Amino acid sequence: MQKNLHVSVLLDFYGEMLTQNQRALVGHYYNDDLSLAEIAQHEGITRQGVRDTIKRAEIQMFEMEERLGFIKKHREIDSALEQIRAAMTEIAEFNLRYGCSREINERAKMVYELTERLN
């Protein structure tokens, strides 16, 4: 079975929406890097049972992301925050270079720090 490493991210966002068994098996497979056979032996079930459970969980998580879009939105927010930080750095540097205003510099620093807290 080919591993889709995006599933680890899906598990971080949507793992709590899976059953405890699904979450455990997907976690063993993707996060602990165990093989299907190792998981089957550890859990006392067949390799096919492990594979089927993981596949069902993957499908559920991909469907959740398609409907809810939490990962997509998270990435968009991260990108926007990075752009805001870059702009605030440029504003602060411009302000220092041309000696405009201490208040502008303080506000730029405040906005930058707020974006760091949100990240």
PDB file of N, CA and C in Angstrom:
ATOM      1  N   MET A   1       0.858  -1.170   0.000  1.00  0.00           N
ATOM      2  CA  MET A   1       0.000   0.000   0.000  1.00  0.00           C
ATOM      3  C   MET A   1       0.901   1.230   0.000  1.00  0.00           C
ATOM      4  N   GLN A   2       0.695   2.118  -0.941  1.00  0.00           N
ATOM      5  CA  GLN A   2       1.482   3.352  -1.076  1.00  0.00           C
ATOM      6  C   GLN A   2       1.041   4.358  -0.016  1.00  0.00           C
ATOM      7  N   LYS A   3       2.008   4.937   0.701  1.00  0.00           N
ATOM      8  CA  LYS A   3       1.680   5.901   1.750  1.00  0.00           C
ATOM      9  C   LYS A   3       1.534   7.299   1.174  1.00  0.00           C
ATOM     10  N   ASN A   4       0.444   7.947   1.536  1.00  0.00           N
ATOM     11  CA  ASN A   4       0.205   9.341   1.190  1.00  0.00           C
ATOM     12  C   ASN A   4       0.503  10.145   2.458  1.00  0.00           C
ATOM     13  N   LEU A   5       1.628  10.848   2.470  1.00  0.00           N
ATOM     14  CA  LEU A   5       2.059  11.527   3.683  1.00  0.00           C
ATOM     15  C   LEU A   5       1.138  12.679   4.085  1.00  0.00           C
ATOM     16  N   HIS A   6       0.284  13.118   3.178  1.00  0.00           N
ATOM     17  CA  HIS A   6      -0.717  14.142   3.512  1.00  0.00           C
ATOM     18  C   HIS A   6      -1.686  13.617   4.575  1.00  0.00           C
ATOM     19  N   VAL A   7      -1.796  12.293   4.677  1.00  0.00           N
ATOM     20  CA  VAL A   7      -2.713  11.693   5.644  1.00  0.00           C
ATOM     21  C   VAL A   7      -2.289  12.032   7.076  1.00  0.00           C
ATOM     22  N   SER A   8      -0.997  12.169   7.336  1.00  0.00           N
ATOM     23  CA  SER A   8      -0.544  12.560   8.679  1.00  0.00           C
ATOM     24  C   SER A   8      -1.106  13.919   9.068  1.00  0.00           C
ATOM     25  N   VAL A   9      -1.139  14.839   8.110  1.00  0.00           N
ATOM     26  CA  VAL A   9      -1.710  16.165   8.365  1.00  0.00           C
ATOM     27  C   VAL A   9      -3.217  16.040   8.570  1.00  0.00           C
ATOM     28  N   LEU A  10      -3.867  15.243   7.736  1.00  0.00           N
ATOM     29  CA  LEU A  10      -5.305  15.012   7.904  1.00  0.00           C
ATOM     30  C   LEU A  10      -5.596  14.447   9.292  1.00  0.00           C
ATOM     31  N   LEU A  11      -4.753  13.537   9.740  1.00  0.00           N
ATOM     32  CA  LEU A  11      -4.938  12.923  11.054  1.00  0.00           C
ATOM     33  C   LEU A  11      -4.828  13.966  12.162  1.00  0.00           C
ATOM     34  N   ASP A  12      -3.904  14.907  12.020  1.00  0.00           N
ATOM     35  CA  ASP A  12      -3.775  15.978  13.015  1.00  0.00           C
ATOM     36  C   ASP A  12      -5.047  16.815  13.103  1.00  0.00           C
ATOM     37  N   PHE A  13      -5.660  17.096  11.973  1.00  0.00           N
ATOM     38  CA  PHE A  13      -6.845  17.945  11.945  1.00  0.00           C
ATOM     39  C   PHE A  13      -8.133  17.184  12.239  1.00  0.00           C
ATOM     40  N   TYR A  14      -8.254  15.978  11.716  1.00  0.00           N
ATOM     41  CA  TYR A  14      -9.537  15.271  11.761  1.00  0.00           C
ATOM     42  C   TYR A  14      -9.501  13.963  12.548  1.00  0.00           C
ATOM     43  N   GLY A  15      -8.378  13.639  13.156  1.00  0.00           N
ATOM     44  CA  GLY A  15      -8.244  12.370  13.865  1.00  0.00           C
ATOM     45  C   GLY A  15      -9.282  12.147  14.949  1.00  0.00           C
ATOM     46  N   GLU A  16      -9.650  13.213  15.640  1.00  0.00           N
ATOM     47  CA  GLU A  16     -10.638  13.076  16.720  1.00  0.00           C
ATOM     48  C   GLU A  16     -12.029  12.724  16.200  1.00  0.00           C
ATOM     49  N   MET A  17     -12.247  12.873  14.909  1.00  0.00           N
ATOM     50  CA  MET A  17     -13.551  12.540  14.328  1.00  0.00           C
ATOM     51  C   MET A  17     -13.625  11.074  13.908  1.00  0.00           C
ATOM     52  N   LEU A  18     -12.506  10.383  13.953  1.00  0.00           N
ATOM     53  CA  LEU A  18     -12.472   8.955  13.636  1.00  0.00           C
ATOM     54  C   LEU A  18     -12.789   8.154  14.890  1.00  0.00           C
ATOM     55  N   THR A  19     -13.072   6.861  14.696  1.00  0.00           N
ATOM     56  CA  THR A  19     -13.218   5.998  15.865  1.00  0.00           C
ATOM     57  C   THR A  19     -11.844   5.837  16.507  1.00  0.00           C
ATOM     58  N   GLN A  20     -11.840   5.426  17.747  1.00  0.00           N
ATOM     59  CA  GLN A  20     -10.571   5.229  18.452  1.00  0.00           C
ATOM     60  C   GLN A  20      -9.714   4.195  17.722  1.00  0.00           C
ATOM     61  N   ASN A  21     -10.336   3.136  17.219  1.00  0.00           N
ATOM     62  CA  ASN A  21      -9.609   2.094  16.496  1.00  0.00           C
ATOM     63  C   ASN A  21      -9.014   2.637  15.198  1.00  0.00           C
ATOM     64  N   GLN A  22      -9.813   3.362  14.424  1.00  0.00           N
ATOM     65  CA  GLN A  22      -9.302   3.946  13.179  1.00  0.00           C
ATOM     66  C   GLN A  22      -8.125   4.875  13.466  1.00  0.00           C
ATOM     67  N   ARG A  23      -8.294   5.749  14.457  1.00  0.00           N
ATOM     68  CA  ARG A  23      -7.250   6.709  14.808  1.00  0.00           C
ATOM     69  C   ARG A  23      -5.958   5.985  15.200  1.00  0.00           C
ATOM     70  N   ALA A  24      -6.085   4.923  15.979  1.00  0.00           N
ATOM     71  CA  ALA A  24      -4.912   4.171  16.422  1.00  0.00           C
ATOM     72  C   ALA A  24      -4.203   3.508  15.242  1.00  0.00           C
ATOM     73  N   LEU A  25      -4.959   2.845  14.374  1.00  0.00           N
ATOM     74  CA  LEU A  25      -4.337   2.138  13.249  1.00  0.00           C
ATOM     75  C   LEU A  25      -3.688   3.107  12.267  1.00  0.00           C
ATOM     76  N   VAL A  26      -4.372   4.204  11.952  1.00  0.00           N
ATOM     77  CA  VAL A  26      -3.798   5.200  11.040  1.00  0.00           C
ATOM     78  C   VAL A  26      -2.551   5.816  11.674  1.00  0.00           C
ATOM     79  N   GLY A  27      -2.606   6.081  12.967  1.00  0.00           N
ATOM     80  CA  GLY A  27      -1.447   6.632  13.673  1.00  0.00           C
ATOM     81  C   GLY A  27      -0.259   5.691  13.647  1.00  0.00           C
ATOM     82  N   HIS A  28      -0.509   4.411  13.877  1.00  0.00           N
ATOM     83  CA  HIS A  28       0.586   3.428  13.814  1.00  0.00           C
ATOM     84  C   HIS A  28       1.198   3.388  12.415  1.00  0.00           C
ATOM     85  N   TYR A  29       0.345   3.433  11.409  1.00  0.00           N
ATOM     86  CA  TYR A  29       0.822   3.293  10.035  1.00  0.00           C
ATOM     87  C   TYR A  29       1.582   4.526   9.562  1.00  0.00           C
ATOM     88  N   TYR A  30       1.021   5.706   9.798  1.00  0.00           N
ATOM     89  CA  TYR A  30       1.634   6.931   9.269  1.00  0.00           C
ATOM     90  C   TYR A  30       2.615   7.592  10.231  1.00  0.00           C
ATOM     91  N   ASN A  31       2.272   7.666  11.501  1.00  0.00           N
ATOM     92  CA  ASN A  31       3.131   8.384  12.437  1.00  0.00           C
ATOM     93  C   ASN A  31       4.221   7.503  13.040  1.00  0.00           C
ATOM     94  N   ASP A  32       3.888   6.243  13.320  1.00  0.00           N
ATOM     95  CA  ASP A  32       4.870   5.330  13.904  1.00  0.00           C
ATOM     96  C   ASP A  32       5.624   4.544  12.845  1.00  0.00           C
ATOM     97  N   ASP A  33       5.189   4.674  11.580  1.00  0.00           N
ATOM     98  CA  ASP A  33       5.822   4.024  10.429  1.00  0.00           C
ATOM     99  C   ASP A  33       5.882   2.500  10.557  1.00  0.00           C
ATOM    100  N   LEU A  34       4.815   1.919  11.103  1.00  0.00           N
ATOM    101  CA  LEU A  34       4.731   0.465  11.190  1.00  0.00           C
ATOM    102  C   LEU A  34       4.110  -0.083   9.907  1.00  0.00           C
ATOM    103  N   SER A  35       4.493  -1.291   9.556  1.00  0.00           N
ATOM    104  CA  SER A  35       3.915  -1.932   8.374  1.00  0.00           C
ATOM    105  C   SER A  35       2.536  -2.482   8.727  1.00  0.00           C
ATOM    106  N   LEU A  36       1.772  -2.822   7.689  1.00  0.00           N
ATOM    107  CA  LEU A  36       0.454  -3.421   7.920  1.00  0.00           C
ATOM    108  C   LEU A  36       0.585  -4.709   8.723  1.00  0.00           C
ATOM    109  N   ALA A  37       1.596  -5.506   8.393  1.00  0.00           N
ATOM    110  CA  ALA A  37       1.813  -6.775   9.098  1.00  0.00           C
ATOM    111  C   ALA A  37       2.153  -6.535  10.568  1.00  0.00           C
ATOM    112  N   GLU A  38       2.984  -5.535  10.847  1.00  0.00           N
ATOM    113  CA  GLU A  38       3.348  -5.229  12.236  1.00  0.00           C
ATOM    114  C   GLU A  38       2.128  -4.770  13.033  1.00  0.00           C
ATOM    115  N   ILE A  39       1.316  -3.947  12.412  1.00  0.00           N
ATOM    116  CA  ILE A  39       0.105  -3.469  13.090  1.00  0.00           C
ATOM    117  C   ILE A  39      -0.845  -4.636  13.332  1.00  0.00           C
ATOM    118  N   ALA A  40      -1.019  -5.476  12.320  1.00  0.00           N
ATOM    119  CA  ALA A  40      -1.911  -6.632  12.444  1.00  0.00           C
ATOM    120  C   ALA A  40      -1.471  -7.537  13.590  1.00  0.00           C
ATOM    121  N   GLN A  41      -0.184  -7.797  13.660  1.00  0.00           N
ATOM    122  CA  GLN A  41       0.342  -8.653  14.725  1.00  0.00           C
ATOM    123  C   GLN A  41       0.115  -7.999  16.088  1.00  0.00           C
ATOM    124  N   HIS A  42       0.382  -6.724  16.191  1.00  0.00           N
ATOM    125  CA  HIS A  42       0.231  -5.984  17.450  1.00  0.00           C
ATOM    126  C   HIS A  42      -1.227  -5.923  17.896  1.00  0.00           C
ATOM    127  N   GLU A  43      -2.143  -5.750  16.940  1.00  0.00           N
ATOM    128  CA  GLU A  43      -3.567  -5.590  17.256  1.00  0.00           C
ATOM    129  C   GLU A  43      -4.328  -6.915  17.285  1.00  0.00           C
ATOM    130  N   GLY A  44      -3.696  -7.979  16.796  1.00  0.00           N
ATOM    131  CA  GLY A  44      -4.353  -9.282  16.786  1.00  0.00           C
ATOM    132  C   GLY A  44      -5.457  -9.397  15.748  1.00  0.00           C
ATOM    133  N   ILE A  45      -5.273  -8.714  14.614  1.00  0.00           N
ATOM    134  CA  ILE A  45      -6.232  -8.803  13.514  1.00  0.00           C
ATOM    135  C   ILE A  45      -5.466  -9.108  12.232  1.00  0.00           C
ATOM    136  N   THR A  46      -6.207  -9.326  11.151  1.00  0.00           N
ATOM    137  CA  THR A  46      -5.543  -9.657   9.889  1.00  0.00           C
ATOM    138  C   THR A  46      -4.949  -8.405   9.248  1.00  0.00           C
ATOM    139  N   ARG A  47      -3.984  -8.641   8.386  1.00  0.00           N
ATOM    140  CA  ARG A  47      -3.358  -7.557   7.631  1.00  0.00           C
ATOM    141  C   ARG A  47      -4.412  -6.857   6.772  1.00  0.00           C
ATOM    142  N   GLN A  48      -5.308  -7.655   6.170  1.00  0.00           N
ATOM    143  CA  GLN A  48      -6.379  -7.098   5.340  1.00  0.00           C
ATOM    144  C   GLN A  48      -7.327  -6.234   6.172  1.00  0.00           C
ATOM    145  N   GLY A  49      -7.595  -6.664   7.394  1.00  0.00           N
ATOM    146  CA  GLY A  49      -8.442  -5.872   8.288  1.00  0.00           C
ATOM    147  C   GLY A  49      -7.818  -4.523   8.612  1.00  0.00           C
ATOM    148  N   VAL A  50      -6.505  -4.525   8.835  1.00  0.00           N
ATOM    149  CA  VAL A  50      -5.781  -3.273   9.087  1.00  0.00           C
ATOM    150  C   VAL A  50      -5.876  -2.375   7.863  1.00  0.00           C
ATOM    151  N   ARG A  51      -5.597  -2.957   6.696  1.00  0.00           N
ATOM    152  CA  ARG A  51      -5.618  -2.178   5.452  1.00  0.00           C
ATOM    153  C   ARG A  51      -6.993  -1.562   5.210  1.00  0.00           C
ATOM    154  N   ASP A  52      -8.047  -2.364   5.372  1.00  0.00           N
ATOM    155  CA  ASP A  52      -9.409  -1.873   5.142  1.00  0.00           C
ATOM    156  C   ASP A  52      -9.769  -0.739   6.100  1.00  0.00           C
ATOM    157  N   THR A  53      -9.395  -0.893   7.363  1.00  0.00           N
ATOM    158  CA  THR A  53      -9.684   0.146   8.359  1.00  0.00           C
ATOM    159  C   THR A  53      -8.954   1.437   8.021  1.00  0.00           C
ATOM    160  N   ILE A  54      -7.686   1.333   7.641  1.00  0.00           N
ATOM    161  CA  ILE A  54      -6.898   2.520   7.289  1.00  0.00           C
ATOM    162  C   ILE A  54      -7.486   3.188   6.054  1.00  0.00           C
ATOM    163  N   LYS A  55      -7.831   2.397   5.037  1.00  0.00           N
ATOM    164  CA  LYS A  55      -8.400   2.965   3.808  1.00  0.00           C
ATOM    165  C   LYS A  55      -9.722   3.691   4.082  1.00  0.00           C
ATOM    166  N   ARG A  56     -10.592   3.082   4.903  1.00  0.00           N
ATOM    167  CA  ARG A  56     -11.863   3.735   5.242  1.00  0.00           C
ATOM    168  C   ARG A  56     -11.616   5.055   5.978  1.00  0.00           C
ATOM    169  N   ALA A  57     -10.666   5.040   6.900  1.00  0.00           N
ATOM    170  CA  ALA A  57     -10.345   6.257   7.657  1.00  0.00           C
ATOM    171  C   ALA A  57      -9.778   7.333   6.739  1.00  0.00           C
ATOM    172  N   GLU A  58      -8.914   6.938   5.803  1.00  0.00           N
ATOM    173  CA  GLU A  58      -8.358   7.903   4.844  1.00  0.00           C
ATOM    174  C   GLU A  58      -9.473   8.556   4.030  1.00  0.00           C
ATOM    175  N   ILE A  59     -10.381   7.733   3.531  1.00  0.00           N
ATOM    176  CA  ILE A  59     -11.495   8.253   2.729  1.00  0.00           C
ATOM    177  C   ILE A  59     -12.325   9.233   3.557  1.00  0.00           C
ATOM    178  N   GLN A  60     -12.615   8.872   4.801  1.00  0.00           N
ATOM    179  CA  GLN A  60     -13.394   9.755   5.666  1.00  0.00           C
ATOM    180  C   GLN A  60     -12.676  11.089   5.878  1.00  0.00           C
ATOM    181  N   MET A  61     -11.369  11.040   6.136  1.00  0.00           N
ATOM    182  CA  MET A  61     -10.630  12.281   6.396  1.00  0.00           C
ATOM    183  C   MET A  61     -10.531  13.150   5.149  1.00  0.00           C
ATOM    184  N   PHE A  62     -10.313  12.537   3.981  1.00  0.00           N
ATOM    185  CA  PHE A  62     -10.287  13.316   2.739  1.00  0.00           C
ATOM    186  C   PHE A  62     -11.649  13.966   2.478  1.00  0.00           C
ATOM    187  N   GLU A  63     -12.731  13.232   2.756  1.00  0.00           N
ATOM    188  CA  GLU A  63     -14.073  13.796   2.589  1.00  0.00           C
ATOM    189  C   GLU A  63     -14.318  14.941   3.571  1.00  0.00           C
ATOM    190  N   MET A  64     -13.836  14.790   4.807  1.00  0.00           N
ATOM    191  CA  MET A  64     -13.986  15.868   5.788  1.00  0.00           C
ATOM    192  C   MET A  64     -13.252  17.121   5.329  1.00  0.00           C
ATOM    193  N   GLU A  65     -12.045  16.943   4.821  1.00  0.00           N
ATOM    194  CA  GLU A  65     -11.282  18.103   4.350  1.00  0.00           C
ATOM    195  C   GLU A  65     -11.964  18.740   3.147  1.00  0.00           C
ATOM    196  N   GLU A  66     -12.526  17.906   2.273  1.00  0.00           N
ATOM    197  CA  GLU A  66     -13.222  18.446   1.104  1.00  0.00           C
ATOM    198  C   GLU A  66     -14.430  19.287   1.534  1.00  0.00           C
ATOM    199  N   ARG A  67     -15.146  18.822   2.544  1.00  0.00           N
ATOM    200  CA  ARG A  67     -16.338  19.539   3.013  1.00  0.00           C
ATOM    201  C   ARG A  67     -15.994  20.734   3.902  1.00  0.00           C
ATOM    202  N   LEU A  68     -15.053  20.543   4.829  1.00  0.00           N
ATOM    203  CA  LEU A  68     -14.772  21.565   5.836  1.00  0.00           C
ATOM    204  C   LEU A  68     -13.620  22.491   5.460  1.00  0.00           C
ATOM    205  N   GLY A  69     -12.617  21.948   4.785  1.00  0.00           N
ATOM    206  CA  GLY A  69     -11.504  22.761   4.299  1.00  0.00           C
ATOM    207  C   GLY A  69     -10.615  23.362   5.370  1.00  0.00           C
ATOM    208  N   PHE A  70     -10.507  22.720   6.542  1.00  0.00           N
ATOM    209  CA  PHE A  70      -9.697  23.273   7.621  1.00  0.00           C
ATOM    210  C   PHE A  70      -8.220  23.390   7.252  1.00  0.00           C
ATOM    211  N   ILE A  71      -7.682  22.384   6.595  1.00  0.00           N
ATOM    212  CA  ILE A  71      -6.261  22.414   6.236  1.00  0.00           C
ATOM    213  C   ILE A  71      -6.008  23.501   5.200  1.00  0.00           C
ATOM    214  N   LYS A  72      -6.866  23.577   4.207  1.00  0.00           N
ATOM    215  CA  LYS A  72      -6.721  24.613   3.182  1.00  0.00           C
ATOM    216  C   LYS A  72      -6.782  25.995   3.822  1.00  0.00           C
ATOM    217  N   LYS A  73      -7.753  26.207   4.703  1.00  0.00           N
ATOM    218  CA  LYS A  73      -7.900  27.503   5.369  1.00  0.00           C
ATOM    219  C   LYS A  73      -6.683  27.788   6.254  1.00  0.00           C
ATOM    220  N   HIS A  74      -6.188  26.791   6.948  1.00  0.00           N
ATOM    221  CA  HIS A  74      -5.010  26.956   7.806  1.00  0.00           C
ATOM    222  C   HIS A  74      -3.809  27.407   6.975  1.00  0.00           C
ATOM    223  N   ARG A  75      -3.625  26.788   5.831  1.00  0.00           N
ATOM    224  CA  ARG A  75      -2.505  27.164   4.956  1.00  0.00           C
ATOM    225  C   ARG A  75      -2.676  28.585   4.416  1.00  0.00           C
ATOM    226  N   GLU A  76      -3.902  28.951   4.073  1.00  0.00           N
ATOM    227  CA  GLU A  76      -4.165  30.319   3.598  1.00  0.00           C
ATOM    228  C   GLU A  76      -3.866  31.342   4.686  1.00  0.00           C
ATOM    229  N   ILE A  77      -4.267  31.045   5.915  1.00  0.00           N
ATOM    230  CA  ILE A  77      -4.006  31.951   7.036  1.00  0.00           C
ATOM    231  C   ILE A  77      -2.510  32.063   7.291  1.00  0.00           C
ATOM    232  N   ASP A  78      -1.798  30.927   7.284  1.00  0.00           N
ATOM    233  CA  ASP A  78      -0.336  30.960   7.464  1.00  0.00           C
ATOM    234  C   ASP A  78       0.330  31.830   6.410  1.00  0.00           C
ATOM    235  N   SER A  79      -0.106  31.687   5.171  1.00  0.00           N
ATOM    236  CA  SER A  79       0.461  32.476   4.079  1.00  0.00           C
ATOM    237  C   SER A  79       0.172  33.962   4.274  1.00  0.00           C
ATOM    238  N   ALA A  80      -1.058  34.288   4.648  1.00  0.00           N
ATOM    239  CA  ALA A  80      -1.427  35.688   4.868  1.00  0.00           C
ATOM    240  C   ALA A  80      -0.642  36.285   6.028  1.00  0.00           C
ATOM    241  N   LEU A  81      -0.479  35.521   7.099  1.00  0.00           N
ATOM    242  CA  LEU A  81       0.297  36.019   8.242  1.00  0.00           C
ATOM    243  C   LEU A  81       1.747  36.282   7.852  1.00  0.00           C
ATOM    244  N   GLU A  82       2.307  35.409   7.050  1.00  0.00           N
ATOM    245  CA  GLU A  82       3.688  35.604   6.591  1.00  0.00           C
ATOM    246  C   GLU A  82       3.800  36.872   5.745  1.00  0.00           C
ATOM    247  N   GLN A  83       2.824  37.115   4.896  1.00  0.00           N
ATOM    248  CA  GLN A  83       2.828  38.332   4.077  1.00  0.00           C
ATOM    249  C   GLN A  83       2.676  39.584   4.947  1.00  0.00           C
ATOM    250  N   ILE A  84       1.847  39.507   5.972  1.00  0.00           N
ATOM    251  CA  ILE A  84       1.684  40.638   6.890  1.00  0.00           C
ATOM    252  C   ILE A  84       2.988  40.909   7.630  1.00  0.00           C
ATOM    253  N   ARG A  85       3.634  39.845   8.121  1.00  0.00           N
ATOM    254  CA  ARG A  85       4.915  40.021   8.825  1.00  0.00           C
ATOM    255  C   ARG A  85       5.952  40.660   7.921  1.00  0.00           C
ATOM    256  N   ALA A  86       6.016  40.203   6.675  1.00  0.00           N
ATOM    257  CA  ALA A  86       6.984  40.772   5.728  1.00  0.00           C
ATOM    258  C   ALA A  86       6.690  42.248   5.480  1.00  0.00           C
ATOM    259  N   ALA A  87       5.419  42.592   5.317  1.00  0.00           N
ATOM    260  CA  ALA A  87       5.048  43.993   5.087  1.00  0.00           C
ATOM    261  C   ALA A  87       5.373  44.850   6.306  1.00  0.00           C
ATOM    262  N   MET A  88       5.118  44.333   7.495  1.00  0.00           N
ATOM    263  CA  MET A  88       5.404  45.100   8.707  1.00  0.00           C
ATOM    264  C   MET A  88       6.907  45.299   8.884  1.00  0.00           C
ATOM    265  N   THR A  89       7.697  44.305   8.520  1.00  0.00           N
ATOM    266  CA  THR A  89       9.152  44.456   8.577  1.00  0.00           C
ATOM    267  C   THR A  89       9.598  45.548   7.618  1.00  0.00           C
ATOM    268  N   GLU A  90       9.042  45.553   6.417  1.00  0.00           N
ATOM    269  CA  GLU A  90       9.387  46.590   5.434  1.00  0.00           C
ATOM    270  C   GLU A  90       8.983  47.978   5.923  1.00  0.00           C
ATOM    271  N   ILE A  91       7.808  48.085   6.523  1.00  0.00           N
ATOM    272  CA  ILE A  91       7.348  49.377   7.040  1.00  0.00           C
ATOM    273  C   ILE A  91       8.286  49.873   8.138  1.00  0.00           C
ATOM    274  N   ALA A  92       8.641  48.971   9.061  1.00  0.00           N
ATOM    275  CA  ALA A  92       9.538  49.357  10.155  1.00  0.00           C
ATOM    276  C   ALA A  92      10.901  49.781   9.620  1.00  0.00           C
ATOM    277  N   GLU A  93      11.435  49.035   8.649  1.00  0.00           N
ATOM    278  CA  GLU A  93      12.734  49.390   8.065  1.00  0.00           C
ATOM    279  C   GLU A  93      12.658  50.727   7.331  1.00  0.00           C
ATOM    280  N   PHE A  94      11.607  50.956   6.589  1.00  0.00           N
ATOM    281  CA  PHE A  94      11.421  52.223   5.881  1.00  0.00           C
ATOM    282  C   PHE A  94      11.337  53.373   6.890  1.00  0.00           C
ATOM    283  N   ASN A  95      10.568  53.141   7.945  1.00  0.00           N
ATOM    284  CA  ASN A  95      10.405  54.163   8.976  1.00  0.00           C
ATOM    285  C   ASN A  95      11.741  54.492   9.640  1.00  0.00           C
ATOM    286  N   LEU A  96      12.532  53.469   9.959  1.00  0.00           N
ATOM    287  CA  LEU A  96      13.843  53.715  10.573  1.00  0.00           C
ATOM    288  C   LEU A  96      14.779  54.441   9.618  1.00  0.00           C
ATOM    289  N   ARG A  97      14.743  54.056   8.366  1.00  0.00           N
ATOM    290  CA  ARG A  97      15.630  54.648   7.368  1.00  0.00           C
ATOM    291  C   ARG A  97      15.334  56.135   7.167  1.00  0.00           C
ATOM    292  N   TYR A  98      14.064  56.471   7.159  1.00  0.00           N
ATOM    293  CA  TYR A  98      13.687  57.857   6.873  1.00  0.00           C
ATOM    294  C   TYR A  98      13.252  58.633   8.124  1.00  0.00           C
ATOM    295  N   GLY A  99      13.404  58.019   9.285  1.00  0.00           N
ATOM    296  CA  GLY A  99      13.143  58.696  10.545  1.00  0.00           C
ATOM    297  C   GLY A  99      11.763  59.306  10.675  1.00  0.00           C
ATOM    298  N   CYS A 100      10.754  58.561  10.258  1.00  0.00           N
ATOM    299  CA  CYS A 100       9.403  59.137  10.231  1.00  0.00           C
ATOM    300  C   CYS A 100       8.772  59.250  11.620  1.00  0.00           C
ATOM    301  N   SER A 101       8.571  58.134  12.303  1.00  0.00           N
ATOM    302  CA  SER A 101       7.784  58.205  13.528  1.00  0.00           C
ATOM    303  C   SER A 101       8.060  57.020  14.443  1.00  0.00           C
ATOM    304  N   ARG A 102       8.247  57.315  15.714  1.00  0.00           N
ATOM    305  CA  ARG A 102       8.428  56.265  16.717  1.00  0.00           C
ATOM    306  C   ARG A 102       7.124  55.474  16.864  1.00  0.00           C
ATOM    307  N   GLU A 103       5.980  56.148  16.784  1.00  0.00           N
ATOM    308  CA  GLU A 103       4.679  55.490  16.916  1.00  0.00           C
ATOM    309  C   GLU A 103       4.450  54.471  15.799  1.00  0.00           C
ATOM    310  N   ILE A 104       4.840  54.826  14.585  1.00  0.00           N
ATOM    311  CA  ILE A 104       4.703  53.884  13.464  1.00  0.00           C
ATOM    312  C   ILE A 104       5.541  52.644  13.740  1.00  0.00           C
ATOM    313  N   ASN A 105       6.751  52.841  14.215  1.00  0.00           N
ATOM    314  CA  ASN A 105       7.628  51.718  14.516  1.00  0.00           C
ATOM    315  C   ASN A 105       7.018  50.834  15.605  1.00  0.00           C
ATOM    316  N   GLU A 106       6.452  51.445  16.646  1.00  0.00           N
ATOM    317  CA  GLU A 106       5.833  50.678  17.730  1.00  0.00           C
ATOM    318  C   GLU A 106       4.623  49.894  17.231  1.00  0.00           C
ATOM    319  N   ARG A 107       3.814  50.514  16.383  1.00  0.00           N
ATOM    320  CA  ARG A 107       2.636  49.830  15.839  1.00  0.00           C
ATOM    321  C   ARG A 107       3.048  48.687  14.908  1.00  0.00           C
ATOM    322  N   ALA A 108       4.071  48.906  14.112  1.00  0.00           N
ATOM    323  CA  ALA A 108       4.565  47.842  13.225  1.00  0.00           C
ATOM    324  C   ALA A 108       5.045  46.659  14.053  1.00  0.00           C
ATOM    325  N   LYS A 109       5.759  46.941  15.133  1.00  0.00           N
ATOM    326  CA  LYS A 109       6.244  45.877  16.015  1.00  0.00           C
ATOM    327  C   LYS A 109       5.068  45.143  16.658  1.00  0.00           C
ATOM    328  N   MET A 110       4.052  45.896  17.090  1.00  0.00           N
ATOM    329  CA  MET A 110       2.879  45.293  17.709  1.00  0.00           C
ATOM    330  C   MET A 110       2.155  44.363  16.726  1.00  0.00           C
ATOM    331  N   VAL A 111       1.941  44.815  15.502  1.00  0.00           N
ATOM    332  CA  VAL A 111       1.263  43.985  14.497  1.00  0.00           C
ATOM    333  C   VAL A 111       2.085  42.731  14.220  1.00  0.00           C
ATOM    334  N   TYR A 112       3.390  42.871  14.091  1.00  0.00           N
ATOM    335  CA  TYR A 112       4.270  41.729  13.846  1.00  0.00           C
ATOM    336  C   TYR A 112       4.133  40.719  14.987  1.00  0.00           C
ATOM    337  N   GLU A 113       4.176  41.190  16.222  1.00  0.00           N
ATOM    338  CA  GLU A 113       4.069  40.295  17.382  1.00  0.00           C
ATOM    339  C   GLU A 113       2.704  39.610  17.441  1.00  0.00           C
ATOM    340  N   LEU A 114       1.657  40.333  17.089  1.00  0.00           N
ATOM    341  CA  LEU A 114       0.324  39.722  17.059  1.00  0.00           C
ATOM    342  C   LEU A 114       0.252  38.598  16.029  1.00  0.00           C
ATOM    343  N   THR A 115       0.856  38.797  14.866  1.00  0.00           N
ATOM    344  CA  THR A 115       0.843  37.731  13.854  1.00  0.00           C
ATOM    345  C   THR A 115       1.636  36.526  14.335  1.00  0.00           C
ATOM    346  N   GLU A 116       2.691  36.753  15.102  1.00  0.00           N
ATOM    347  CA  GLU A 116       3.463  35.633  15.654  1.00  0.00           C
ATOM    348  C   GLU A 116       2.610  34.823  16.630  1.00  0.00           C
ATOM    349  N   ARG A 117       1.811  35.507  17.439  1.00  0.00           N
ATOM    350  CA  ARG A 117       0.944  34.811  18.392  1.00  0.00           C
ATOM    351  C   ARG A 117      -0.117  33.982  17.683  1.00  0.00           C
ATOM    352  N   LEU A 118      -0.577  34.462  16.543  1.00  0.00           N
ATOM    353  CA  LEU A 118      -1.610  33.743  15.796  1.00  0.00           C
ATOM    354  C   LEU A 118      -1.067  32.528  15.067  1.00  0.00           C
ATOM    355  N   ASN A 119       0.204  32.486  14.848  1.00  0.00           N
ATOM    356  CA  ASN A 119       0.798  31.399  14.077  1.00  0.00           C
ATOM    357  C   ASN A 119       1.068  30.210  14.908  1.00  0.00           C
TER     358      ASN A 119
END
